[in-house]
Full PDB file with SEQRES, HELIX, SHEET, SSBOND, CRYST1, ORIGX, SCALE, CONECT and MASTER records, all heavy atoms in Angstrom:
SEQRES   1 A   44  VAL SER THR GLY MET MET ASP VAL ALA MET ASN ALA GLN          
SEQRES   2 A   44  ALA VAL MET VAL GLU GLN GLN LEU LYS LYS PRO ILE MET          
SEQRES   3 A   44  THR SER PHE HIS ALA LEU PHE SER VAL GLY MET MET LEU          
SEQRES   4 A   44  GLY ALA LEU CYS GLY                                          
HELIX    1 AA1 SER A    2  LEU A   21  1                                  20    
HELIX    2 AA2 MET A   26  CYS A   43  1                                  18    
CRYST1    1.000    1.000    1.000  90.00  90.00  90.00 P 1           1          
ORIGX1      1.000000  0.000000  0.000000        0.00000                         
ORIGX2      0.000000  1.000000  0.000000        0.00000                         
ORIGX3      0.000000  0.000000  1.000000        0.00000                         
SCALE1      1.000000  0.000000  0.000000        0.00000                         
SCALE2      0.000000  1.000000  0.000000        0.00000                         
SCALE3      0.000000  0.000000  1.000000        0.00000                         
ATOM      1  N   VAL A   1       0.835  -1.200   0.000  1.00  0.00           N  
ATOM      2  CA  VAL A   1       0.000   0.000   0.000  1.00  0.00           C  
ATOM      3  C   VAL A   1       0.872   1.253   0.000  1.00  0.00           C  
ATOM      4  O   VAL A   1       0.627   2.201  -0.747  1.00  0.00           O  
ATOM      5  CB  VAL A   1      -0.964  -0.003   1.209  1.00  0.00           C  
ATOM      6  CG1 VAL A   1      -1.636   1.342   1.390  1.00  0.00           C  
ATOM      7  CG2 VAL A   1      -2.007  -1.096   1.053  1.00  0.00           C  
ATOM      8  N   SER A   2       1.919   1.259   0.820  1.00  0.00           N  
ATOM      9  CA  SER A   2       2.825   2.420   0.883  1.00  0.00           C  
ATOM     10  C   SER A   2       3.519   2.642  -0.453  1.00  0.00           C  
ATOM     11  O   SER A   2       3.623   3.780  -0.924  1.00  0.00           O  
ATOM     12  CB  SER A   2       3.904   2.234   1.944  1.00  0.00           C  
ATOM     13  OG  SER A   2       3.417   1.700   3.097  1.00  0.00           O  
ATOM     14  N   THR A   3       3.999   1.590  -1.055  1.00  0.00           N  
ATOM     15  CA  THR A   3       4.678   1.709  -2.341  1.00  0.00           C  
ATOM     16  C   THR A   3       3.710   2.196  -3.415  1.00  0.00           C  
ATOM     17  O   THR A   3       4.072   3.045  -4.243  1.00  0.00           O  
ATOM     18  CB  THR A   3       5.283   0.353  -2.744  1.00  0.00           C  
ATOM     19  OG1 THR A   3       6.162  -0.085  -1.711  1.00  0.00           O  
ATOM     20  CG2 THR A   3       6.059   0.455  -4.047  1.00  0.00           C  
ATOM     21  N   GLY A   4       2.488   1.706  -3.402  1.00  0.00           N  
ATOM     22  CA  GLY A   4       1.485   2.147  -4.363  1.00  0.00           C  
ATOM     23  C   GLY A   4       1.162   3.622  -4.204  1.00  0.00           C  
ATOM     24  O   GLY A   4       1.057   4.360  -5.194  1.00  0.00           O  
ATOM     25  N   MET A   5       1.027   4.078  -2.956  1.00  0.00           N  
ATOM     26  CA  MET A   5       0.743   5.497  -2.720  1.00  0.00           C  
ATOM     27  C   MET A   5       1.917   6.372  -3.164  1.00  0.00           C  
ATOM     28  O   MET A   5       1.715   7.444  -3.745  1.00  0.00           O  
ATOM     29  CB  MET A   5       0.428   5.738  -1.241  1.00  0.00           C  
ATOM     30  CG  MET A   5      -0.900   5.166  -0.834  1.00  0.00           C  
ATOM     31  SD  MET A   5      -1.492   5.510   0.851  1.00  0.00           S  
ATOM     32  CE  MET A   5      -0.078   5.794   1.818  1.00  0.00           C  
ATOM     33  N   MET A   6       3.125   5.898  -2.911  1.00  0.00           N  
ATOM     34  CA  MET A   6       4.292   6.659  -3.341  1.00  0.00           C  
ATOM     35  C   MET A   6       4.357   6.728  -4.866  1.00  0.00           C  
ATOM     36  O   MET A   6       4.684   7.769  -5.435  1.00  0.00           O  
ATOM     37  CB  MET A   6       5.578   6.023  -2.788  1.00  0.00           C  
ATOM     38  CG  MET A   6       6.829   6.810  -3.134  1.00  0.00           C  
ATOM     39  SD  MET A   6       8.330   6.101  -2.465  1.00  0.00           S  
ATOM     40  CE  MET A   6       8.483   4.607  -3.402  1.00  0.00           C  
ATOM     41  N   ASP A   7       4.020   5.638  -5.530  1.00  0.00           N  
ATOM     42  CA  ASP A   7       4.031   5.607  -6.992  1.00  0.00           C  
ATOM     43  C   ASP A   7       3.014   6.589  -7.573  1.00  0.00           C  
ATOM     44  O   ASP A   7       3.316   7.312  -8.519  1.00  0.00           O  
ATOM     45  CB  ASP A   7       3.742   4.185  -7.483  1.00  0.00           C  
ATOM     46  CG  ASP A   7       4.008   4.016  -8.957  1.00  0.00           C  
ATOM     47  OD1 ASP A   7       4.986   4.595  -9.456  1.00  0.00           O  
ATOM     48  OD2 ASP A   7       3.224   3.307  -9.617  1.00  0.00           O  
ATOM     49  N   VAL A   8       1.832   6.637  -6.983  1.00  0.00           N  
ATOM     50  CA  VAL A   8       0.802   7.575  -7.446  1.00  0.00           C  
ATOM     51  C   VAL A   8       1.284   9.014  -7.243  1.00  0.00           C  
ATOM     52  O   VAL A   8       1.118   9.869  -8.119  1.00  0.00           O  
ATOM     53  CB  VAL A   8      -0.534   7.324  -6.717  1.00  0.00           C  
ATOM     54  CG1 VAL A   8      -1.523   8.448  -6.965  1.00  0.00           C  
ATOM     55  CG2 VAL A   8      -1.128   5.983  -7.147  1.00  0.00           C  
ATOM     56  N   ALA A   9       1.897   9.289  -6.100  1.00  0.00           N  
ATOM     57  CA  ALA A   9       2.392  10.642  -5.818  1.00  0.00           C  
ATOM     58  C   ALA A   9       3.494  11.040  -6.807  1.00  0.00           C  
ATOM     59  O   ALA A   9       3.517  12.180  -7.297  1.00  0.00           O  
ATOM     60  CB  ALA A   9       2.904  10.721  -4.391  1.00  0.00           C  
ATOM     61  N   MET A  10       4.388  10.111  -7.112  1.00  0.00           N  
ATOM     62  CA  MET A  10       5.462  10.422  -8.068  1.00  0.00           C  
ATOM     63  C   MET A  10       4.895  10.658  -9.462  1.00  0.00           C  
ATOM     64  O   MET A  10       5.343  11.573 -10.168  1.00  0.00           O  
ATOM     65  CB  MET A  10       6.492   9.283  -8.107  1.00  0.00           C  
ATOM     66  CG  MET A  10       7.359   9.208  -6.883  1.00  0.00           C  
ATOM     67  SD  MET A  10       8.728   8.047  -7.019  1.00  0.00           S  
ATOM     68  CE  MET A  10       7.894   6.502  -7.230  1.00  0.00           C  
ATOM     69  N   ASN A  11       3.916   9.862  -9.871  1.00  0.00           N  
ATOM     70  CA  ASN A  11       3.304  10.058 -11.184  1.00  0.00           C  
ATOM     71  C   ASN A  11       2.562  11.392 -11.252  1.00  0.00           C  
ATOM     72  O   ASN A  11       2.611  12.079 -12.282  1.00  0.00           O  
ATOM     73  CB  ASN A  11       2.361   8.906 -11.525  1.00  0.00           C  
ATOM     74  CG  ASN A  11       3.110   7.659 -11.925  1.00  0.00           C  
ATOM     75  OD1 ASN A  11       4.259   7.718 -12.341  1.00  0.00           O  
ATOM     76  ND2 ASN A  11       2.474   6.508 -11.784  1.00  0.00           N  
ATOM     77  N   ALA A  12       1.894  11.768 -10.168  1.00  0.00           N  
ATOM     78  CA  ALA A  12       1.201  13.060 -10.147  1.00  0.00           C  
ATOM     79  C   ALA A  12       2.201  14.202 -10.281  1.00  0.00           C  
ATOM     80  O   ALA A  12       1.952  15.184 -10.993  1.00  0.00           O  
ATOM     81  CB  ALA A  12       0.395  13.206  -8.859  1.00  0.00           C  
ATOM     82  N   GLN A  13       3.332  14.083  -9.613  1.00  0.00           N  
ATOM     83  CA  GLN A  13       4.375  15.110  -9.718  1.00  0.00           C  
ATOM     84  C   GLN A  13       4.913  15.172 -11.145  1.00  0.00           C  
ATOM     85  O   GLN A  13       5.127  16.253 -11.689  1.00  0.00           O  
ATOM     86  CB  GLN A  13       5.511  14.806  -8.738  1.00  0.00           C  
ATOM     87  CG  GLN A  13       6.574  15.859  -8.690  1.00  0.00           C  
ATOM     88  CD  GLN A  13       6.091  17.154  -8.062  1.00  0.00           C  
ATOM     89  OE1 GLN A  13       5.248  17.159  -7.195  1.00  0.00           O  
ATOM     90  NE2 GLN A  13       6.629  18.255  -8.529  1.00  0.00           N  
ATOM     91  N   ALA A  14       5.120  14.023 -11.761  1.00  0.00           N  
ATOM     92  CA  ALA A  14       5.621  13.990 -13.137  1.00  0.00           C  
ATOM     93  C   ALA A  14       4.617  14.620 -14.105  1.00  0.00           C  
ATOM     94  O   ALA A  14       5.010  15.315 -15.039  1.00  0.00           O  
ATOM     95  CB  ALA A  14       5.919  12.552 -13.552  1.00  0.00           C  
ATOM     96  N   VAL A  15       3.328  14.409 -13.865  1.00  0.00           N  
ATOM     97  CA  VAL A  15       2.303  15.018 -14.716  1.00  0.00           C  
ATOM     98  C   VAL A  15       2.361  16.539 -14.592  1.00  0.00           C  
ATOM     99  O   VAL A  15       2.268  17.267 -15.590  1.00  0.00           O  
ATOM    100  CB  VAL A  15       0.893  14.488 -14.354  1.00  0.00           C  
ATOM    101  CG1 VAL A  15      -0.195  15.334 -14.976  1.00  0.00           C  
ATOM    102  CG2 VAL A  15       0.760  13.042 -14.798  1.00  0.00           C  
ATOM    103  N   MET A  16       2.551  17.040 -13.381  1.00  0.00           N  
ATOM    104  CA  MET A  16       2.652  18.490 -13.188  1.00  0.00           C  
ATOM    105  C   MET A  16       3.869  19.061 -13.910  1.00  0.00           C  
ATOM    106  O   MET A  16       3.796  20.125 -14.542  1.00  0.00           O  
ATOM    107  CB  MET A  16       2.700  18.825 -11.698  1.00  0.00           C  
ATOM    108  CG  MET A  16       1.378  18.603 -11.001  1.00  0.00           C  
ATOM    109  SD  MET A  16       1.361  18.780  -9.202  1.00  0.00           S  
ATOM    110  CE  MET A  16       2.541  20.012  -8.843  1.00  0.00           C  
ATOM    111  N   VAL A  17       4.989  18.349 -13.850  1.00  0.00           N  
ATOM    112  CA  VAL A  17       6.193  18.803 -14.553  1.00  0.00           C  
ATOM    113  C   VAL A  17       5.960  18.766 -16.062  1.00  0.00           C  
ATOM    114  O   VAL A  17       6.351  19.684 -16.785  1.00  0.00           O  
ATOM    115  CB  VAL A  17       7.416  17.945 -14.148  1.00  0.00           C  
ATOM    116  CG1 VAL A  17       8.622  18.269 -15.006  1.00  0.00           C  
ATOM    117  CG2 VAL A  17       7.739  18.152 -12.673  1.00  0.00           C  
ATOM    118  N   GLU A  18       5.316  17.693 -16.543  1.00  0.00           N  
ATOM    119  CA  GLU A  18       4.991  17.597 -17.973  1.00  0.00           C  
ATOM    120  C   GLU A  18       4.139  18.771 -18.437  1.00  0.00           C  
ATOM    121  O   GLU A  18       4.370  19.332 -19.512  1.00  0.00           O  
ATOM    122  CB  GLU A  18       4.222  16.304 -18.265  1.00  0.00           C  
ATOM    123  CG  GLU A  18       5.072  15.131 -18.599  1.00  0.00           C  
ATOM    124  CD  GLU A  18       4.246  13.947 -19.049  1.00  0.00           C  
ATOM    125  OE1 GLU A  18       3.048  13.847 -18.712  1.00  0.00           O  
ATOM    126  OE2 GLU A  18       4.808  13.106 -19.761  1.00  0.00           O  
ATOM    127  N   GLN A  19       3.162  19.132 -17.641  1.00  0.00           N  
ATOM    128  CA  GLN A  19       2.283  20.240 -18.012  1.00  0.00           C  
ATOM    129  C   GLN A  19       3.052  21.556 -18.093  1.00  0.00           C  
ATOM    130  O   GLN A  19       2.786  22.385 -18.958  1.00  0.00           O  
ATOM    131  CB  GLN A  19       1.125  20.352 -17.019  1.00  0.00           C  
ATOM    132  CG  GLN A  19       0.118  19.241 -17.155  1.00  0.00           C  
ATOM    133  CD  GLN A  19      -0.937  19.268 -16.066  1.00  0.00           C  
ATOM    134  OE1 GLN A  19      -0.812  19.980 -15.072  1.00  0.00           O  
ATOM    135  NE2 GLN A  19      -1.981  18.470 -16.252  1.00  0.00           N  
ATOM    136  N   GLN A  20       4.015  21.742 -17.193  1.00  0.00           N  
ATOM    137  CA  GLN A  20       4.796  22.977 -17.217  1.00  0.00           C  
ATOM    138  C   GLN A  20       5.761  23.006 -18.403  1.00  0.00           C  
ATOM    139  O   GLN A  20       5.971  24.045 -19.012  1.00  0.00           O  
ATOM    140  CB  GLN A  20       5.567  23.149 -15.916  1.00  0.00           C  
ATOM    141  CG  GLN A  20       4.671  23.486 -14.744  1.00  0.00           C  
ATOM    142  CD  GLN A  20       5.447  23.644 -13.448  1.00  0.00           C  
ATOM    143  OE1 GLN A  20       6.643  23.393 -13.394  1.00  0.00           O  
ATOM    144  NE2 GLN A  20       4.754  24.051 -12.396  1.00  0.00           N  
ATOM    145  N   LEU A  21       6.345  21.852 -18.722  1.00  0.00           N  
ATOM    146  CA  LEU A  21       7.293  21.790 -19.841  1.00  0.00           C  
ATOM    147  C   LEU A  21       6.594  21.698 -21.194  1.00  0.00           C  
ATOM    148  O   LEU A  21       7.220  21.949 -22.223  1.00  0.00           O  
ATOM    149  CB  LEU A  21       8.236  20.592 -19.667  1.00  0.00           C  
ATOM    150  CG  LEU A  21       9.230  20.660 -18.523  1.00  0.00           C  
ATOM    151  CD1 LEU A  21      10.035  19.369 -18.449  1.00  0.00           C  
ATOM    152  CD2 LEU A  21      10.156  21.853 -18.680  1.00  0.00           C  
ATOM    153  N   LYS A  22       5.341  21.269 -21.175  1.00  0.00           N  
ATOM    154  CA  LYS A  22       4.548  21.100 -22.401  1.00  0.00           C  
ATOM    155  C   LYS A  22       5.179  20.110 -23.385  1.00  0.00           C  
ATOM    156  O   LYS A  22       5.168  20.316 -24.588  1.00  0.00           O  
ATOM    157  CB  LYS A  22       4.315  22.450 -23.078  1.00  0.00           C  
ATOM    158  CG  LYS A  22       3.494  23.382 -22.231  1.00  0.00           C  
ATOM    159  CD  LYS A  22       3.190  24.662 -22.951  1.00  0.00           C  
ATOM    160  CE  LYS A  22       2.186  25.427 -22.171  1.00  0.00           C  
ATOM    161  NZ  LYS A  22       2.547  26.543 -21.451  1.00  0.00           N  
ATOM    162  N   LYS A  23       5.767  19.045 -22.815  1.00  0.00           N  
ATOM    163  CA  LYS A  23       6.257  17.946 -23.636  1.00  0.00           C  
ATOM    164  C   LYS A  23       6.239  16.672 -22.797  1.00  0.00           C  
ATOM    165  O   LYS A  23       6.344  16.727 -21.569  1.00  0.00           O  
ATOM    166  CB  LYS A  23       7.657  18.219 -24.188  1.00  0.00           C  
ATOM    167  CG  LYS A  23       8.752  18.331 -23.167  1.00  0.00           C  
ATOM    168  CD  LYS A  23      10.083  18.589 -23.854  1.00  0.00           C  
ATOM    169  CE  LYS A  23      11.219  18.546 -22.847  1.00  0.00           C  
ATOM    170  NZ  LYS A  23      12.506  18.652 -23.485  1.00  0.00           N  
ATOM    171  N   PRO A  24       6.095  15.515 -23.448  1.00  0.00           N  
ATOM    172  CA  PRO A  24       5.995  14.260 -22.689  1.00  0.00           C  
ATOM    173  C   PRO A  24       7.357  13.813 -22.133  1.00  0.00           C  
ATOM    174  O   PRO A  24       8.322  13.667 -22.870  1.00  0.00           O  
ATOM    175  CB  PRO A  24       5.479  13.261 -23.727  1.00  0.00           C  
ATOM    176  CG  PRO A  24       5.891  13.823 -25.040  1.00  0.00           C  
ATOM    177  CD  PRO A  24       5.915  15.322 -24.876  1.00  0.00           C  
ATOM    178  N   ILE A  25       7.405  13.635 -20.830  1.00  0.00           N  
ATOM    179  CA  ILE A  25       8.640  13.169 -20.190  1.00  0.00           C  
ATOM    180  C   ILE A  25       8.378  12.042 -19.190  1.00  0.00           C  
ATOM    181  O   ILE A  25       9.292  11.619 -18.489  1.00  0.00           O  
ATOM    182  CB  ILE A  25       9.379  14.323 -19.483  1.00  0.00           C  
ATOM    183  CG1 ILE A  25       8.485  14.971 -18.441  1.00  0.00           C  
ATOM    184  CG2 ILE A  25       9.889  15.339 -20.475  1.00  0.00           C  
ATOM    185  CD1 ILE A  25       9.210  15.932 -17.539  1.00  0.00           C  
ATOM    186  N   MET A  26       7.131  11.557 -19.143  1.00  0.00           N  
ATOM    187  CA  MET A  26       6.777  10.511 -18.171  1.00  0.00           C  
ATOM    188  C   MET A  26       7.625   9.257 -18.370  1.00  0.00           C  
ATOM    189  O   MET A  26       8.044   8.635 -17.396  1.00  0.00           O  
ATOM    190  CB  MET A  26       5.299  10.162 -18.294  1.00  0.00           C  
ATOM    191  CG  MET A  26       4.813   9.145 -17.286  1.00  0.00           C  
ATOM    192  SD  MET A  26       4.699   9.758 -15.617  1.00  0.00           S  
ATOM    193  CE  MET A  26       3.186  10.668 -15.708  1.00  0.00           C  
ATOM    194  N   THR A  27       7.897   8.881 -19.603  1.00  0.00           N  
ATOM    195  CA  THR A  27       8.707   7.682 -19.837  1.00  0.00           C  
ATOM    196  C   THR A  27      10.115   7.852 -19.281  1.00  0.00           C  
ATOM    197  O   THR A  27      10.707   6.885 -18.793  1.00  0.00           O  
ATOM    198  CB  THR A  27       8.786   7.355 -21.341  1.00  0.00           C  
ATOM    199  OG1 THR A  27       9.233   8.500 -22.046  1.00  0.00           O  
ATOM    200  CG2 THR A  27       7.435   6.933 -21.882  1.00  0.00           C  
ATOM    201  N   SER A  28      10.635   9.060 -19.324  1.00  0.00           N  
ATOM    202  CA  SER A  28      11.961   9.315 -18.748  1.00  0.00           C  
ATOM    203  C   SER A  28      11.940   9.124 -17.234  1.00  0.00           C  
ATOM    204  O   SER A  28      12.877   8.570 -16.651  1.00  0.00           O  
ATOM    205  CB  SER A  28      12.426  10.733 -19.063  1.00  0.00           C  
ATOM    206  OG  SER A  28      12.513  10.929 -20.445  1.00  0.00           O  
ATOM    207  N   PHE A  29      10.865   9.591 -16.583  1.00  0.00           N  
ATOM    208  CA  PHE A  29      10.733   9.400 -15.143  1.00  0.00           C  
ATOM    209  C   PHE A  29      10.709   7.912 -14.794  1.00  0.00           C  
ATOM    210  O   PHE A  29      11.386   7.466 -13.865  1.00  0.00           O  
ATOM    211  CB  PHE A  29       9.463  10.077 -14.612  1.00  0.00           C  
ATOM    212  CG  PHE A  29       9.617  11.537 -14.350  1.00  0.00           C  
ATOM    213  CD1 PHE A  29       9.093  12.466 -15.219  1.00  0.00           C  
ATOM    214  CD2 PHE A  29      10.275  11.981 -13.225  1.00  0.00           C  
ATOM    215  CE1 PHE A  29       9.218  13.815 -14.980  1.00  0.00           C  
ATOM    216  CE2 PHE A  29      10.416  13.330 -12.968  1.00  0.00           C  
ATOM    217  CZ  PHE A  29       9.891  14.254 -13.839  1.00  0.00           C  
ATOM    218  N   HIS A  30       9.926   7.145 -15.554  1.00  0.00           N  
ATOM    219  CA  HIS A  30       9.833   5.714 -15.282  1.00  0.00           C  
ATOM    220  C   HIS A  30      11.162   5.011 -15.551  1.00  0.00           C  
ATOM    221  O   HIS A  30      11.567   4.117 -14.791  1.00  0.00           O  
ATOM    222  CB  HIS A  30       8.713   5.082 -16.115  1.00  0.00           C  
ATOM    223  CG  HIS A  30       7.357   5.401 -15.591  1.00  0.00           C  
ATOM    224  ND1 HIS A  30       6.251   5.420 -16.389  1.00  0.00           N  
ATOM    225  CD2 HIS A  30       6.920   5.730 -14.363  1.00  0.00           C  
ATOM    226  CE1 HIS A  30       5.186   5.737 -15.669  1.00  0.00           C  
ATOM    227  NE2 HIS A  30       5.583   5.941 -14.427  1.00  0.00           N  
ATOM    228  N   ALA A  31      11.853   5.411 -16.600  1.00  0.00           N  
ATOM    229  CA  ALA A  31      13.143   4.791 -16.915  1.00  0.00           C  
ATOM    230  C   ALA A  31      14.160   5.084 -15.821  1.00  0.00           C  
ATOM    231  O   ALA A  31      14.880   4.180 -15.378  1.00  0.00           O  
ATOM    232  CB  ALA A  31      13.658   5.297 -18.262  1.00  0.00           C  
ATOM    233  N   LEU A  32      14.225   6.323 -15.377  1.00  0.00           N  
ATOM    234  CA  LEU A  32      15.190   6.682 -14.329  1.00  0.00           C  
ATOM    235  C   LEU A  32      14.849   6.004 -13.004  1.00  0.00           C  
ATOM    236  O   LEU A  32      15.747   5.616 -12.254  1.00  0.00           O  
ATOM    237  CB  LEU A  32      15.270   8.193 -14.165  1.00  0.00           C  
ATOM    238  CG  LEU A  32      15.937   8.927 -15.321  1.00  0.00           C  
ATOM    239  CD1 LEU A  32      15.842  10.430 -15.131  1.00  0.00           C  
ATOM    240  CD2 LEU A  32      17.384   8.498 -15.456  1.00  0.00           C  
ATOM    241  N   PHE A  33      13.557   5.849 -12.712  1.00  0.00           N  
ATOM    242  CA  PHE A  33      13.154   5.132 -11.506  1.00  0.00           C  
ATOM    243  C   PHE A  33      13.630   3.684 -11.573  1.00  0.00           C  
ATOM    244  O   PHE A  33      14.173   3.152 -10.597  1.00  0.00           O  
ATOM    245  CB  PHE A  33      11.629   5.185 -11.346  1.00  0.00           C  
ATOM    246  CG  PHE A  33      11.128   4.513 -10.105  1.00  0.00           C  
ATOM    247  CD1 PHE A  33      11.225   5.140  -8.878  1.00  0.00           C  
ATOM    248  CD2 PHE A  33      10.562   3.256 -10.174  1.00  0.00           C  
ATOM    249  CE1 PHE A  33      10.768   4.512  -7.727  1.00  0.00           C  
ATOM    250  CE2 PHE A  33      10.097   2.619  -9.039  1.00  0.00           C  
ATOM    251  CZ  PHE A  33      10.197   3.257  -7.804  1.00  0.00           C  
ATOM    252  N   SER A  34      13.473   3.058 -12.735  1.00  0.00           N  
ATOM    253  CA  SER A  34      13.915   1.673 -12.902  1.00  0.00           C  
ATOM    254  C   SER A  34      15.427   1.550 -12.791  1.00  0.00           C  
ATOM    255  O   SER A  34      15.939   0.618 -12.151  1.00  0.00           O  
ATOM    256  CB  SER A  34      13.461   1.129 -14.256  1.00  0.00           C  
ATOM    257  OG  SER A  34      12.060   1.105 -14.327  1.00  0.00           O  
ATOM    258  N   VAL A  35      16.153   2.493 -13.383  1.00  0.00           N  
ATOM    259  CA  VAL A  35      17.616   2.481 -13.278  1.00  0.00           C  
ATOM    260  C   VAL A  35      18.030   2.647 -11.818  1.00  0.00           C  
ATOM    261  O   VAL A  35      18.926   1.947 -11.329  1.00  0.00           O  
ATOM    262  CB  VAL A  35      18.237   3.586 -14.164  1.00  0.00           C  
ATOM    263  CG1 VAL A  35      19.713   3.776 -13.859  1.00  0.00           C  
ATOM    264  CG2 VAL A  35      18.033   3.257 -15.633  1.00  0.00           C  
ATOM    265  N   GLY A  36      17.371   3.551 -11.108  1.00  0.00           N  
ATOM    266  CA  GLY A  36      17.674   3.749  -9.689  1.00  0.00           C  
ATOM    267  C   GLY A  36      17.422   2.496  -8.867  1.00  0.00           C  
ATOM    268  O   GLY A  36      18.210   2.154  -7.977  1.00  0.00           O  
ATOM    269  N   MET A  37      16.318   1.803  -9.162  1.00  0.00           N  
ATOM    270  CA  MET A  37      16.017   0.563  -8.437  1.00  0.00           C  
ATOM    271  C   MET A  37      17.066  -0.514  -8.722  1.00  0.00           C  
ATOM    272  O   MET A  37      17.491  -1.232  -7.823  1.00  0.00           O  
ATOM    273  CB  MET A  37      14.632   0.053  -8.815  1.00  0.00           C  
ATOM    274  CG  MET A  37      13.501   0.931  -8.324  1.00  0.00           C  
ATOM    275  SD  MET A  37      13.345   0.954  -6.548  1.00  0.00           S  
ATOM    276  CE  MET A  37      12.533  -0.598  -6.281  1.00  0.00           C  
ATOM    277  N   MET A  38      17.491  -0.612  -9.984  1.00  0.00           N  
ATOM    278  CA  MET A  38      18.513  -1.605 -10.331  1.00  0.00           C  
ATOM    279  C   MET A  38      19.844  -1.283  -9.655  1.00  0.00           C  
ATOM    280  O   MET A  38      20.517  -2.177  -9.128  1.00  0.00           O  
ATOM    281  CB  MET A  38      18.687  -1.691 -11.848  1.00  0.00           C  
ATOM    282  CG  MET A  38      17.550  -2.385 -12.541  1.00  0.00           C  
ATOM    283  SD  MET A  38      17.854  -2.704 -14.297  1.00  0.00           S  
ATOM    284  CE  MET A  38      18.029  -1.063 -14.951  1.00  0.00           C  
ATOM    285  N   LEU A  39      20.222  -0.014  -9.671  1.00  0.00           N  
ATOM    286  CA  LEU A  39      21.475   0.382  -9.008  1.00  0.00           C  
ATOM    287  C   LEU A  39      21.400   0.146  -7.502  1.00  0.00           C  
ATOM    288  O   LEU A  39      22.377  -0.284  -6.888  1.00  0.00           O  
ATOM    289  CB  LEU A  39      21.809   1.833  -9.308  1.00  0.00           C  
ATOM    290  CG  LEU A  39      22.273   2.132 -10.725  1.00  0.00           C  
ATOM    291  CD1 LEU A  39      22.436   3.644 -10.920  1.00  0.00           C  
ATOM    292  CD2 LEU A  39      23.572   1.413 -11.032  1.00  0.00           C  
ATOM    293  N   GLY A  40      20.247   0.430  -6.923  1.00  0.00           N  
ATOM    294  CA  GLY A  40      20.068   0.178  -5.496  1.00  0.00           C  
ATOM    295  C   GLY A  40      20.183  -1.304  -5.158  1.00  0.00           C  
ATOM    296  O   GLY A  40      20.811  -1.687  -4.173  1.00  0.00           O  
ATOM    297  N   ALA A  41      19.578  -2.146  -5.987  1.00  0.00           N  
ATOM    298  CA  ALA A  41      19.658  -3.595  -5.770  1.00  0.00           C  
ATOM    299  C   ALA A  41      21.092  -4.083  -5.950  1.00  0.00           C  
ATOM    300  O   ALA A  41      21.579  -4.925  -5.182  1.00  0.00           O  
ATOM    301  CB  ALA A  41      18.729  -4.319  -6.731  1.00  0.00           C  
ATOM    302  N   LEU A  42      21.776  -3.549  -6.957  1.00  0.00           N  
ATOM    303  CA  LEU A  42      23.172  -3.930  -7.189  1.00  0.00           C  
ATOM    304  C   LEU A  42      24.047  -3.533  -6.011  1.00  0.00           C  
ATOM    305  O   LEU A  42      24.851  -4.338  -5.518  1.00  0.00           O  
ATOM    306  CB  LEU A  42      23.680  -3.285  -8.474  1.00  0.00           C  
ATOM    307  CG  LEU A  42      25.134  -3.567  -8.838  1.00  0.00           C  
ATOM    308  CD1 LEU A  42      25.319  -5.046  -9.159  1.00  0.00           C  
ATOM    309  CD2 LEU A  42      25.562  -2.708 -10.009  1.00  0.00           C  
ATOM    310  N   CYS A  43      23.881  -2.305  -5.528  1.00  0.00           N  
ATOM    311  CA  CYS A  43      24.672  -1.846  -4.380  1.00  0.00           C  
ATOM    312  C   CYS A  43      24.352  -2.664  -3.136  1.00  0.00           C  
ATOM    313  O   CYS A  43      25.249  -3.034  -2.379  1.00  0.00           O  
ATOM    314  CB  CYS A  43      24.411  -0.369  -4.107  1.00  0.00           C  
ATOM    315  SG  CYS A  43      25.141   0.734  -5.314  1.00  0.00           S  
ATOM    316  N   GLY A  44      23.064  -2.955  -2.932  1.00  0.00           N  
ATOM    317  CA  GLY A  44      22.678  -3.765  -1.776  1.00  0.00           C  
ATOM    318  C   GLY A  44      23.304  -5.152  -1.808  1.00  0.00           C  
ATOM    319  O   GLY A  44      23.811  -5.639  -0.800  1.00  0.00           O  
TER     320      GLY A  44                                                      
MASTER        0    0    0    2    0    0    0    6  319    1    0    4          
END                                                                             
């Protein structure tokens, strides 16, 4: 539940940034999140 709520909050923030930039960047947010998770798992 906590992870799901955090994911919704991050997506909402990304939508706000997209609206300000007026270009699609949501895929970049998801890609960087995945890279961060992989690096975190590797370091762990």
